[in-house]
Amino acid sequence: MPTAMPTVTPVTSGQKSVAPGAGCALALLLAINLFNYIDRYVLAAILPLLAIDAAMVDPTDPDLQGKLGLLSTAFMVSYFALSPLFAWLAGRMSRWVLVGGGVILWSLASGSSGLATGYTMLFLTRCLVGVGEAAYGPVAPSMISDLYPVERRGRVLSLFYMAIPVGSALGYVIGGQMAAATGTWRDAFIVTFAGGVFGLLCFLMRDPARAAAAPGPEGGHRPGYLKVLGGLARVRSFVICSAGMTCTTFILGGVAVWVPAYIFQREARFVLDDQALARLTEMKDTAGRPLVPAEVLEKLRTVSGPGVMTFAEFRDLLIRTLPAPEEQKLYWSRVYDAATAPGSITNGKSTFLFGVITVVSGFLATMLGGWLGDRLRGRVKGAYFHVIGWSTLLAWPCFLGILYLPFPWAWVMIFLTVFWLFFNTGPANTILANVTSSGVRATAFAINILVIHLFGDAISPAIIGFIADRSSLHTAFLLCSVFILLGGGLWVTGARYLDDDTRRAESQAAGSAA
């Protein structure tokens, strides 16, 4: 952590107390945020199973991982494309109505992902899912900032963004366990229909008063989008914070999508022995007919043996033995299930363990990050930037440990990497809230969302998949780890500007209110 600097004068807030109903509003927004991340990482949890489902994709496609990465890109494109629209609407209508309508539409689209009959349909449903987060992504932090004074925003926003590690973890666990229990990845999406209930509750809420909200900084009218953008470009803390968030969003969003597949491809083991063939023989449909015909079993028997194979070796064996598209579509998934070696890690087990690690380390980091930022505020110049910068830099050697240490030690490195990368969640968003005045805050968050996702996790899953198709996920992760160093370094340099920018935003809010 940074060396303590001379005590600085705390930045005061125009809002001195917590608004009525703030607790209920925060709880509902937290629940909605939770379901959003559950949905996002249900997809990540079932990605290894989707990759071998020949009814949806071609398992032998040399660009398969890049195309699977585009499913996350589809969500993010609609998310960041619609965020400015929803931010504009948030200044002109009930924010709760806006959030509620978006969440209901998002929940229906998310649950429908499990009904997709092909890759194109799945791609389109993921596009529609982005509507939900776009409806509340820029709006929710703005409402929370109107409900709580600046002295408490760090802790409150950390609580709100706790949904990221917790929801992500639940997405991994629910997706992996539902798929393992039912035998199909499709059922993992059923739970996301429940998000619509929280969307309905939004219509019962009352909008919080906007702190100095009606006029713009000049007092005459609400500034336009381009004018807000131009003003924010001159706020150095906002620019630096957004740049650092872009770097960490790139690595977090990309790696989070591919971690289950990375662990599965690296650690899963298969053996096509007599026991595996017996399990395939015993598979029957409801009428008692064999699910795997005798001629397919005979092909497999010719290449069977006691040798244990890695995922890549077993996949190559199946390509040679069952190359026909119809054989891939009907039998590959069943062969993978039947040939899993005793004691091998499974997709269900790896997603469960990763989910538990994410929820524990992410929860602790998110809460501690917000607490530490608030604690050091007024004592250390640019405290929030120091907290997020140095913690992010600590994540880099831990991330390398994941790639080069064997399991179970790699699980320890996963815990530490998640912890240090999530440490910045609350303080980074607190910086954005504190350096923008209330009248433009929703638009500022929308611009931040547009930038960090357009250049971050909208493209990183596909880029990682593209690199993996030409080398490996290990190489892709290693190359992308440079963004951890870049993000941390940017944030450390931003500390010198933060207090002045915060004080200036508060002065603007006080002037507008007067």
Protein backbone atom coordinates (compact mmCIF):
# COMPACT_ATOMS: atom_id res chain seq x y z
CA MET A 1 0.00 0.00 0.00
CA PRO A 2 1.14 3.60 -0.54
CA THR A 3 3.14 5.54 1.98
CA ALA A 4 0.95 7.86 4.03
CA MET A 5 1.01 11.43 2.78
CA PRO A 6 0.24 14.67 4.62
CA THR A 7 -3.32 14.96 5.80
CA VAL A 8 -5.59 16.63 3.25
CA THR A 9 -8.76 18.55 3.87
CA PRO A 10 -11.80 16.27 3.43
CA VAL A 11 -14.06 17.14 0.55
CA THR A 12 -17.45 18.12 1.86
CA SER A 13 -20.77 17.12 0.41
CA GLY A 14 -23.83 19.13 -0.34
CA GLN A 15 -25.96 16.20 0.84
CA LYS A 16 -25.65 15.63 4.58
CA SER A 17 -28.00 12.74 5.38
CA VAL A 18 -29.33 9.46 4.01
CA ALA A 19 -32.54 9.91 2.03
CA PRO A 20 -35.79 8.21 3.20
CA GLY A 21 -36.23 4.71 1.75
CA ALA A 22 -32.58 4.42 0.81
CA GLY A 23 -32.21 0.95 2.35
CA CYS A 24 -35.11 -0.58 0.39
CA ALA A 25 -33.95 1.02 -2.83
CA LEU A 26 -30.40 -0.25 -2.34
CA ALA A 27 -31.64 -3.77 -1.58
CA LEU A 28 -33.73 -3.94 -4.76
CA LEU A 29 -30.97 -2.54 -6.95
CA LEU A 30 -28.54 -5.01 -5.39
CA ALA A 31 -30.90 -7.93 -6.14
CA ILE A 32 -31.24 -6.83 -9.76
CA ASN A 33 -27.48 -6.49 -10.11
CA LEU A 34 -27.09 -9.94 -8.58
CA PHE A 35 -29.35 -11.59 -11.16
CA ASN A 36 -27.57 -9.84 -13.99
CA TYR A 37 -24.25 -11.40 -13.04
CA ILE A 38 -25.84 -14.77 -12.38
CA ASP A 39 -27.02 -14.78 -15.98
CA ARG A 40 -23.73 -13.58 -17.39
CA TYR A 41 -21.74 -16.40 -15.80
CA VAL A 42 -24.28 -19.14 -16.28
CA LEU A 43 -23.17 -18.86 -19.88
CA ALA A 44 -19.50 -19.05 -18.87
CA ALA A 45 -20.19 -22.13 -16.74
CA ILE A 46 -21.76 -24.11 -19.57
CA LEU A 47 -19.35 -22.97 -22.30
CA PRO A 48 -17.24 -26.18 -22.12
CA LEU A 49 -20.42 -28.23 -22.63
CA LEU A 50 -21.66 -26.00 -25.43
CA ALA A 51 -18.33 -26.44 -27.20
CA ILE A 52 -18.94 -30.20 -27.56
CA ASP A 53 -22.67 -29.93 -28.38
CA ALA A 54 -22.62 -30.61 -32.11
CA ALA A 55 -26.34 -29.80 -32.34
CA MET A 56 -25.40 -26.15 -31.67
CA VAL A 57 -21.85 -25.79 -33.01
CA ASP A 58 -19.30 -27.66 -35.10
CA PRO A 59 -16.84 -29.13 -32.54
CA THR A 60 -14.17 -29.39 -35.25
CA ASP A 61 -14.47 -25.76 -36.35
CA PRO A 62 -10.94 -24.22 -36.16
CA ASP A 63 -12.52 -20.90 -35.13
CA LEU A 64 -14.89 -22.42 -32.56
CA GLN A 65 -13.51 -20.70 -29.46
CA GLY A 66 -13.55 -17.32 -31.15
CA LYS A 67 -17.22 -17.81 -32.08
CA LEU A 68 -18.11 -18.90 -28.55
CA GLY A 69 -16.38 -15.79 -27.24
CA LEU A 70 -18.65 -13.72 -29.48
CA LEU A 71 -21.65 -14.84 -27.40
CA SER A 72 -20.36 -12.66 -24.57
CA THR A 73 -19.57 -9.91 -27.05
CA ALA A 74 -23.20 -10.00 -28.24
CA PHE A 75 -24.41 -9.23 -24.72
CA MET A 76 -21.90 -6.44 -24.21
CA VAL A 77 -22.55 -4.74 -27.57
CA SER A 78 -26.25 -4.26 -26.83
CA TYR A 79 -25.38 -3.25 -23.27
CA PHE A 80 -23.00 -0.42 -24.11
CA ALA A 81 -24.93 0.63 -27.23
CA LEU A 82 -28.13 1.20 -25.24
CA SER A 83 -26.59 2.64 -22.07
CA PRO A 84 -26.46 6.24 -23.42
CA LEU A 85 -30.12 6.02 -24.47
CA PHE A 86 -31.22 4.84 -21.03
CA ALA A 87 -29.09 7.50 -19.35
CA TRP A 88 -30.80 10.15 -21.50
CA LEU A 89 -34.22 8.74 -20.60
CA ALA A 90 -33.27 8.64 -16.90
CA GLY A 91 -33.20 12.43 -16.85
CA ARG A 92 -36.66 12.68 -18.38
CA MET A 93 -38.80 9.96 -16.80
CA SER A 94 -39.13 7.77 -13.70
CA ARG A 95 -35.89 5.92 -13.21
CA TRP A 96 -37.63 3.02 -11.46
CA VAL A 97 -40.04 2.52 -14.39
CA LEU A 98 -37.07 2.53 -16.73
CA VAL A 99 -35.18 -0.04 -14.70
CA GLY A 100 -38.24 -2.27 -14.16
CA GLY A 101 -39.15 -2.47 -17.84
CA GLY A 102 -35.59 -3.25 -18.85
CA VAL A 103 -35.18 -5.98 -16.24
CA ILE A 104 -38.39 -7.76 -17.26
CA LEU A 105 -37.33 -7.79 -20.92
CA TRP A 106 -33.83 -8.93 -19.98
CA SER A 107 -35.10 -11.80 -17.81
CA LEU A 108 -37.33 -13.14 -20.56
CA ALA A 109 -34.50 -13.00 -23.08
CA SER A 110 -32.06 -14.63 -20.67
CA GLY A 111 -34.30 -17.57 -19.87
CA SER A 112 -34.95 -18.01 -23.57
CA SER A 113 -31.25 -18.64 -24.18
CA GLY A 114 -31.88 -22.19 -23.02
CA LEU A 115 -34.48 -22.63 -25.78
CA ALA A 116 -32.14 -21.72 -28.63
CA THR A 117 -32.16 -24.20 -31.51
CA GLY A 118 -28.89 -23.04 -33.03
CA TYR A 119 -25.92 -20.74 -32.62
CA THR A 120 -27.60 -17.80 -34.38
CA MET A 121 -30.65 -17.91 -32.13
CA LEU A 122 -28.46 -18.14 -29.03
CA PHE A 123 -26.46 -15.16 -30.28
CA LEU A 124 -29.64 -13.08 -30.68
CA THR A 125 -30.96 -13.92 -27.21
CA ARG A 126 -27.64 -12.84 -25.72
CA CYS A 127 -27.97 -9.52 -27.55
CA LEU A 128 -31.36 -8.94 -25.91
CA VAL A 129 -29.98 -9.75 -22.46
CA GLY A 130 -27.82 -6.63 -22.68
CA VAL A 131 -30.95 -4.48 -22.53
CA GLY A 132 -31.44 -5.25 -18.84
CA GLU A 133 -28.04 -4.08 -17.65
CA ALA A 134 -28.17 -1.09 -19.99
CA ALA A 135 -31.43 -0.04 -18.28
CA TYR A 136 -29.92 0.11 -14.80
CA GLY A 137 -26.13 0.16 -15.34
CA PRO A 138 -25.88 3.96 -15.60
CA VAL A 139 -29.07 4.64 -13.63
CA ALA A 140 -28.56 2.64 -10.42
CA PRO A 141 -25.26 4.26 -9.29
CA SER A 142 -26.79 7.66 -9.99
CA MET A 143 -29.81 6.89 -7.80
CA ILE A 144 -27.60 5.52 -5.03
CA SER A 145 -25.48 8.67 -5.17
CA ASP A 146 -28.67 10.73 -4.75
CA LEU A 147 -29.67 8.63 -1.74
CA TYR A 148 -26.38 8.77 0.22
CA PRO A 149 -23.94 11.58 1.08
CA VAL A 150 -20.43 11.50 -0.34
CA GLU A 151 -18.95 10.39 3.01
CA ARG A 152 -20.83 7.07 2.77
CA ARG A 153 -20.85 6.44 -0.97
CA GLY A 154 -17.70 4.31 -0.97
CA ARG A 155 -19.13 1.71 1.40
CA VAL A 156 -22.62 1.83 -0.12
CA LEU A 157 -21.41 1.47 -3.70
CA SER A 158 -19.12 -1.36 -2.58
CA LEU A 159 -22.19 -3.10 -1.16
CA PHE A 160 -24.04 -2.56 -4.44
CA TYR A 161 -21.15 -3.87 -6.51
CA MET A 162 -20.81 -6.86 -4.20
CA ALA A 163 -23.30 -8.37 -6.65
CA ILE A 164 -20.46 -8.76 -9.14
CA PRO A 165 -18.46 -11.45 -7.27
CA VAL A 166 -21.51 -12.98 -5.57
CA GLY A 167 -23.66 -13.05 -8.71
CA SER A 168 -20.76 -14.28 -10.82
CA ALA A 169 -20.07 -17.06 -8.32
CA LEU A 170 -23.73 -18.09 -8.22
CA GLY A 171 -23.77 -18.10 -12.01
CA TYR A 172 -20.84 -20.52 -12.12
CA VAL A 173 -22.35 -22.74 -9.42
CA ILE A 174 -25.92 -22.72 -10.74
CA GLY A 175 -24.84 -23.20 -14.34
CA GLY A 176 -22.44 -26.03 -13.61
CA GLN A 177 -24.66 -27.85 -11.12
CA MET A 178 -27.89 -27.52 -13.12
CA ALA A 179 -26.16 -28.84 -16.22
CA ALA A 180 -24.62 -31.72 -14.26
CA ALA A 181 -27.93 -32.61 -12.57
CA THR A 182 -30.10 -32.51 -15.69
CA GLY A 183 -27.57 -33.64 -18.27
CA THR A 184 -28.08 -30.58 -20.48
CA TRP A 185 -26.69 -27.06 -20.44
CA ARG A 186 -30.09 -25.64 -21.47
CA ASP A 187 -31.71 -26.03 -18.05
CA ALA A 188 -29.06 -23.81 -16.48
CA PHE A 189 -30.84 -20.73 -17.88
CA ILE A 190 -34.23 -21.47 -16.28
CA VAL A 191 -33.38 -19.71 -13.01
CA THR A 192 -32.81 -16.39 -14.80
CA PHE A 193 -36.55 -16.07 -15.51
CA ALA A 194 -36.91 -15.18 -11.80
CA GLY A 195 -35.27 -11.80 -12.40
CA GLY A 196 -38.60 -10.58 -13.77
CA VAL A 197 -40.02 -10.57 -10.23
CA PHE A 198 -37.56 -7.84 -9.23
CA GLY A 199 -38.47 -5.94 -12.36
CA LEU A 200 -42.11 -5.87 -11.25
CA LEU A 201 -41.11 -4.60 -7.79
CA CYS A 202 -39.49 -1.59 -9.41
CA PHE A 203 -42.92 -0.25 -10.36
CA LEU A 204 -43.81 0.00 -6.65
CA MET A 205 -40.83 2.24 -5.81
CA ARG A 206 -40.69 6.04 -5.69
CA ASP A 207 -37.89 7.91 -7.41
CA PRO A 208 -35.38 9.56 -5.05
CA ALA A 209 -35.00 13.31 -5.20
CA ARG A 210 -32.19 14.38 -7.47
CA ALA A 211 -29.51 16.31 -5.61
CA ALA A 212 -29.17 19.63 -7.42
CA ALA A 213 -30.53 17.72 -10.37
CA ALA A 214 -32.83 19.83 -12.44
CA PRO A 215 -30.50 22.51 -13.82
CA GLY A 216 -27.14 21.90 -15.39
CA PRO A 217 -23.91 23.41 -14.10
CA GLU A 218 -24.77 26.71 -15.76
CA GLY A 219 -28.16 26.76 -14.06
CA GLY A 220 -30.18 27.25 -17.23
CA HIS A 221 -30.90 23.84 -18.64
CA ARG A 222 -29.71 20.25 -18.56
CA PRO A 223 -26.56 19.96 -20.69
CA GLY A 224 -26.62 17.79 -23.80
CA TYR A 225 -24.77 14.53 -24.18
CA LEU A 226 -21.90 15.97 -26.24
CA LYS A 227 -21.48 18.87 -23.84
CA VAL A 228 -21.30 16.45 -20.89
CA LEU A 229 -18.76 14.36 -22.80
CA GLY A 230 -16.63 17.41 -23.48
CA GLY A 231 -16.77 18.44 -19.82
CA LEU A 232 -15.83 14.99 -18.57
CA ALA A 233 -12.86 14.85 -20.95
CA ARG A 234 -11.38 17.72 -18.94
CA VAL A 235 -11.82 15.89 -15.60
CA ARG A 236 -8.51 14.06 -15.33
CA SER A 237 -9.67 11.73 -12.55
CA PHE A 238 -12.65 10.61 -14.62
CA VAL A 239 -10.52 9.95 -17.69
CA ILE A 240 -7.81 8.06 -15.80
CA CYS A 241 -10.33 6.06 -13.76
CA SER A 242 -12.20 5.06 -16.93
CA ALA A 243 -8.95 4.07 -18.66
CA GLY A 244 -7.91 1.88 -15.73
CA MET A 245 -11.37 0.33 -15.54
CA THR A 246 -11.15 -0.45 -19.26
CA CYS A 247 -7.94 -2.41 -18.71
CA THR A 248 -9.26 -4.40 -15.76
CA THR A 249 -12.63 -4.94 -17.47
CA PHE A 250 -10.77 -6.35 -20.48
CA ILE A 251 -8.91 -8.92 -18.41
CA LEU A 252 -11.69 -9.68 -15.93
CA GLY A 253 -14.43 -9.99 -18.53
CA GLY A 254 -12.37 -12.08 -20.91
CA VAL A 255 -10.78 -14.42 -18.41
CA ALA A 256 -14.00 -14.89 -16.43
CA VAL A 257 -15.74 -16.21 -19.54
CA TRP A 258 -12.96 -18.66 -20.31
CA VAL A 259 -11.81 -19.82 -16.85
CA PRO A 260 -14.18 -22.85 -16.72
CA ALA A 261 -13.04 -23.93 -20.18
CA TYR A 262 -9.38 -23.35 -19.26
CA ILE A 263 -9.62 -25.48 -16.13
CA PHE A 264 -11.61 -28.17 -17.94
CA GLN A 265 -9.22 -28.36 -20.89
CA ARG A 266 -6.17 -28.34 -18.62
CA GLU A 267 -7.28 -30.73 -15.87
CA ALA A 268 -9.99 -33.04 -17.26
CA ARG A 269 -8.87 -36.60 -18.05
CA PHE A 270 -10.54 -39.31 -20.14
CA VAL A 271 -10.14 -43.04 -20.59
CA LEU A 272 -11.97 -45.04 -23.26
CA ASP A 273 -11.74 -48.44 -21.54
CA ASP A 274 -14.15 -51.35 -21.15
CA GLN A 275 -16.03 -49.56 -18.34
CA ALA A 276 -16.62 -46.51 -20.56
CA LEU A 277 -17.87 -48.70 -23.40
CA ALA A 278 -20.15 -50.52 -20.98
CA ARG A 279 -21.65 -47.21 -19.83
CA LEU A 280 -22.30 -46.24 -23.45
CA THR A 281 -23.92 -49.63 -24.11
CA GLU A 282 -26.25 -49.18 -21.13
CA MET A 283 -27.59 -45.83 -22.34
CA LYS A 284 -31.21 -46.33 -23.41
CA ASP A 285 -34.08 -44.06 -24.39
CA THR A 286 -37.52 -44.24 -22.71
CA ALA A 287 -38.53 -47.08 -25.03
CA GLY A 288 -35.46 -49.12 -24.10
CA ARG A 289 -33.66 -48.57 -27.41
CA PRO A 290 -29.85 -48.03 -27.38
CA LEU A 291 -28.82 -44.39 -27.59
CA VAL A 292 -25.46 -45.37 -29.07
CA PRO A 293 -25.80 -47.87 -31.95
CA ALA A 294 -23.66 -50.97 -32.26
CA GLU A 295 -21.68 -49.69 -35.26
CA VAL A 296 -20.61 -46.58 -33.33
CA LEU A 297 -19.63 -48.70 -30.33
CA GLU A 298 -17.56 -50.90 -32.61
CA LYS A 299 -15.65 -47.89 -33.97
CA LEU A 300 -14.91 -46.79 -30.42
CA ARG A 301 -13.89 -50.27 -29.38
CA THR A 302 -11.15 -50.34 -32.03
CA VAL A 303 -9.43 -47.36 -30.38
CA SER A 304 -10.21 -48.21 -26.76
CA GLY A 305 -7.60 -48.94 -24.14
CA PRO A 306 -6.52 -48.23 -20.55
CA GLY A 307 -4.52 -45.10 -21.38
CA VAL A 308 -5.61 -41.84 -19.71
CA MET A 309 -5.88 -38.89 -22.12
CA THR A 310 -5.99 -35.13 -21.77
CA PHE A 311 -8.91 -33.17 -23.21
CA ALA A 312 -6.93 -32.31 -26.36
CA GLU A 313 -5.81 -35.92 -26.86
CA PHE A 314 -9.32 -37.30 -26.38
CA ARG A 315 -10.82 -34.69 -28.71
CA ASP A 316 -8.32 -35.63 -31.44
CA LEU A 317 -9.21 -39.30 -30.93
CA LEU A 318 -12.90 -38.59 -31.44
CA ILE A 319 -12.22 -36.51 -34.53
CA ARG A 320 -10.39 -39.47 -36.08
CA THR A 321 -12.90 -42.08 -34.91
CA LEU A 322 -16.26 -40.32 -35.33
CA PRO A 323 -15.62 -37.63 -37.97
CA ALA A 324 -19.09 -37.48 -39.54
CA PRO A 325 -21.15 -34.38 -38.51
CA GLU A 326 -24.15 -36.56 -37.67
CA GLU A 327 -22.02 -38.75 -35.40
CA GLN A 328 -20.64 -35.67 -33.68
CA LYS A 329 -24.13 -34.25 -33.18
CA LEU A 330 -25.63 -37.42 -31.72
CA TYR A 331 -22.84 -39.13 -29.81
CA TRP A 332 -19.90 -36.89 -28.89
CA SER A 333 -21.43 -35.48 -25.69
CA ARG A 334 -22.38 -38.96 -24.51
CA VAL A 335 -18.89 -40.29 -25.17
CA TYR A 336 -17.32 -37.44 -23.18
CA ASP A 337 -19.61 -38.18 -20.23
CA ALA A 338 -19.03 -41.93 -20.32
CA ALA A 339 -15.25 -41.70 -20.73
CA THR A 340 -14.49 -39.29 -17.87
CA ALA A 341 -11.62 -40.86 -15.96
CA PRO A 342 -12.12 -41.82 -12.28
CA GLY A 343 -11.08 -38.92 -10.06
CA SER A 344 -10.93 -36.46 -12.96
CA ILE A 345 -12.21 -32.95 -12.47
CA THR A 346 -15.54 -32.36 -14.20
CA ASN A 347 -17.10 -29.16 -15.46
CA GLY A 348 -19.62 -29.28 -12.60
CA LYS A 349 -16.89 -29.67 -9.98
CA SER A 350 -14.60 -26.99 -11.40
CA THR A 351 -17.39 -24.41 -11.75
CA PHE A 352 -18.54 -25.15 -8.20
CA LEU A 353 -15.06 -24.66 -6.75
CA PHE A 354 -14.43 -21.57 -8.82
CA GLY A 355 -17.82 -20.17 -7.78
CA VAL A 356 -17.10 -20.69 -4.09
CA ILE A 357 -13.69 -19.05 -4.42
CA THR A 358 -15.17 -16.12 -6.33
CA VAL A 359 -17.96 -15.44 -3.84
CA VAL A 360 -15.67 -15.58 -0.78
CA SER A 361 -12.68 -13.66 -2.15
CA GLY A 362 -14.77 -11.27 -4.24
CA PHE A 363 -17.12 -10.45 -1.36
CA LEU A 364 -14.26 -9.80 1.05
CA ALA A 365 -12.35 -7.71 -1.47
CA THR A 366 -15.33 -5.62 -2.56
CA MET A 367 -16.28 -4.74 1.02
CA LEU A 368 -12.71 -4.18 2.21
CA GLY A 369 -11.88 -2.05 -0.82
CA GLY A 370 -14.78 0.32 -0.14
CA TRP A 371 -14.02 0.40 3.58
CA LEU A 372 -10.33 1.11 3.07
CA GLY A 373 -11.00 3.84 0.50
CA ASP A 374 -13.40 5.61 2.88
CA ARG A 375 -11.01 5.06 5.80
CA LEU A 376 -8.06 6.66 4.01
CA ARG A 377 -10.09 9.47 2.48
CA GLY A 378 -8.97 12.71 4.07
CA ARG A 379 -5.78 11.08 5.34
CA VAL A 380 -4.03 10.09 2.12
CA LYS A 381 -4.11 12.29 -0.97
CA GLY A 382 -5.99 10.50 -3.76
CA ALA A 383 -6.78 7.59 -1.42
CA TYR A 384 -9.29 5.81 -3.66
CA PHE A 385 -6.82 5.74 -6.56
CA HIS A 386 -4.03 4.39 -4.36
CA VAL A 387 -6.29 1.64 -3.02
CA ILE A 388 -7.34 0.42 -6.46
CA GLY A 389 -3.97 0.93 -8.15
CA TRP A 390 -1.74 -0.96 -5.74
CA SER A 391 -4.24 -3.78 -5.20
CA THR A 392 -4.47 -4.30 -8.97
CA LEU A 393 -0.70 -4.45 -9.32
CA LEU A 394 -0.62 -7.14 -6.62
CA ALA A 395 -3.00 -9.23 -8.74
CA TRP A 396 -0.50 -9.67 -11.58
CA PRO A 397 1.98 -12.14 -9.98
CA CYS A 398 -0.97 -14.06 -8.55
CA PHE A 399 -2.46 -14.35 -12.04
CA LEU A 400 0.82 -15.76 -13.35
CA GLY A 401 0.68 -18.28 -10.52
CA ILE A 402 -2.61 -19.62 -11.91
CA LEU A 403 -0.93 -20.33 -15.23
CA TYR A 404 2.25 -21.95 -13.96
CA LEU A 405 1.50 -23.61 -10.63
CA PRO A 406 -0.13 -27.06 -10.46
CA PHE A 407 -3.47 -27.63 -8.83
CA PRO A 408 -4.37 -27.45 -5.95
CA TRP A 409 -1.91 -24.55 -5.55
CA ALA A 410 -3.44 -22.89 -8.58
CA TRP A 411 -6.73 -22.63 -6.62
CA VAL A 412 -4.90 -20.51 -4.04
CA MET A 413 -3.65 -18.22 -6.79
CA ILE A 414 -7.17 -17.97 -8.20
CA PHE A 415 -8.41 -16.85 -4.77
CA LEU A 416 -5.72 -14.17 -4.48
CA THR A 417 -6.15 -12.94 -8.06
CA VAL A 418 -9.91 -12.57 -7.67
CA PHE A 419 -9.40 -10.85 -4.32
CA TRP A 420 -7.00 -8.20 -5.61
CA LEU A 421 -8.89 -7.56 -8.85
CA PHE A 422 -12.22 -7.11 -7.05
CA PHE A 423 -10.65 -4.82 -4.44
CA ASN A 424 -11.11 -1.89 -6.82
CA THR A 425 -14.85 -2.31 -7.51
CA GLY A 426 -16.32 0.03 -4.91
CA PRO A 427 -13.57 2.70 -4.87
CA ALA A 428 -13.41 2.97 -8.68
CA ASN A 429 -17.14 3.63 -8.96
CA THR A 430 -16.95 5.98 -5.98
CA ILE A 431 -14.36 8.01 -7.88
CA LEU A 432 -16.74 8.32 -10.83
CA ALA A 433 -19.58 9.41 -8.55
CA ASN A 434 -17.49 11.90 -6.61
CA VAL A 435 -15.90 13.73 -9.54
CA THR A 436 -19.21 14.32 -11.37
CA SER A 437 -22.08 16.56 -10.28
CA SER A 438 -25.55 15.08 -9.79
CA GLY A 439 -27.04 16.73 -12.87
CA VAL A 440 -24.72 14.84 -15.23
CA ARG A 441 -23.88 11.78 -13.13
CA ALA A 442 -26.16 9.28 -14.92
CA THR A 443 -24.75 10.39 -18.28
CA ALA A 444 -21.22 10.18 -16.88
CA PHE A 445 -21.78 6.60 -15.74
CA ALA A 446 -23.26 5.79 -19.16
CA ILE A 447 -20.19 7.19 -20.90
CA ASN A 448 -17.97 5.20 -18.56
CA ILE A 449 -19.96 2.04 -19.30
CA LEU A 450 -19.69 2.68 -23.04
CA VAL A 451 -15.92 3.12 -22.90
CA ILE A 452 -14.97 0.31 -20.51
CA HIS A 453 -17.12 -2.26 -22.28
CA LEU A 454 -16.50 -1.14 -25.85
CA PHE A 455 -12.75 -1.49 -25.35
CA GLY A 456 -12.93 -4.04 -22.50
CA ASP A 457 -15.10 -7.12 -22.08
CA ALA A 458 -17.08 -6.55 -25.29
CA ILE A 459 -14.04 -7.64 -27.26
CA SER A 460 -11.82 -9.59 -24.86
CA PRO A 461 -13.74 -12.93 -24.83
CA ALA A 462 -13.62 -13.09 -28.63
CA ILE A 463 -9.97 -11.99 -28.73
CA ILE A 464 -8.98 -14.60 -26.15
CA GLY A 465 -10.93 -17.24 -28.08
CA PHE A 466 -9.29 -16.16 -31.35
CA ILE A 467 -5.81 -16.45 -29.82
CA ALA A 468 -6.70 -19.80 -28.23
CA ASP A 469 -7.84 -21.21 -31.60
CA ARG A 470 -4.35 -20.50 -32.93
CA SER A 471 -2.37 -21.49 -29.84
CA SER A 472 -3.99 -22.19 -26.46
CA LEU A 473 -5.98 -20.54 -23.69
CA HIS A 474 -2.77 -20.52 -21.64
CA THR A 475 -1.03 -18.34 -24.22
CA ALA A 476 -4.09 -16.11 -24.58
CA PHE A 477 -4.28 -15.53 -20.82
CA LEU A 478 -0.56 -14.80 -20.59
CA LEU A 479 -0.63 -12.22 -23.38
CA CYS A 480 -3.66 -10.45 -21.94
CA SER A 481 -2.22 -10.26 -18.42
CA VAL A 482 -0.37 -7.08 -19.43
CA PHE A 483 -3.67 -5.22 -18.98
CA ILE A 484 -3.48 -5.86 -15.23
CA LEU A 485 -0.19 -3.97 -15.03
CA LEU A 486 -1.45 -1.21 -17.30
CA GLY A 487 -4.65 -0.68 -15.29
CA GLY A 488 -2.88 -0.61 -11.94
CA GLY A 489 -0.24 1.79 -13.19
CA LEU A 490 -2.82 4.22 -14.58
CA TRP A 491 -4.70 4.31 -11.29
CA VAL A 492 -1.62 4.98 -9.20
CA THR A 493 -0.78 7.98 -11.41
CA GLY A 494 -4.33 9.35 -11.03
CA ALA A 495 -4.05 9.89 -7.28
CA ARG A 496 -2.54 13.36 -7.67
CA TYR A 497 -5.71 14.74 -9.32
CA LEU A 498 -8.52 13.12 -7.36
CA ASP A 499 -9.04 15.45 -4.42
CA ASP A 500 -9.08 18.60 -6.55
CA ASP A 501 -11.54 17.06 -9.02
CA THR A 502 -13.82 15.89 -6.20
CA ARG A 503 -13.79 19.30 -4.58
CA ARG A 504 -14.60 20.95 -7.90
CA ALA A 505 -17.61 18.63 -8.50
CA GLU A 506 -18.98 19.35 -5.03
CA SER A 507 -18.59 23.09 -5.59
CA GLN A 508 -20.57 22.83 -8.82
CA ALA A 509 -23.35 20.93 -7.05
CA ALA A 510 -23.45 23.52 -4.24
CA GLY A 511 -23.56 26.35 -6.77
CA SER A 512 -26.43 24.74 -8.69
CA ALA A 513 -28.40 24.15 -5.50
CA ALA A 514 -27.96 27.78 -4.48
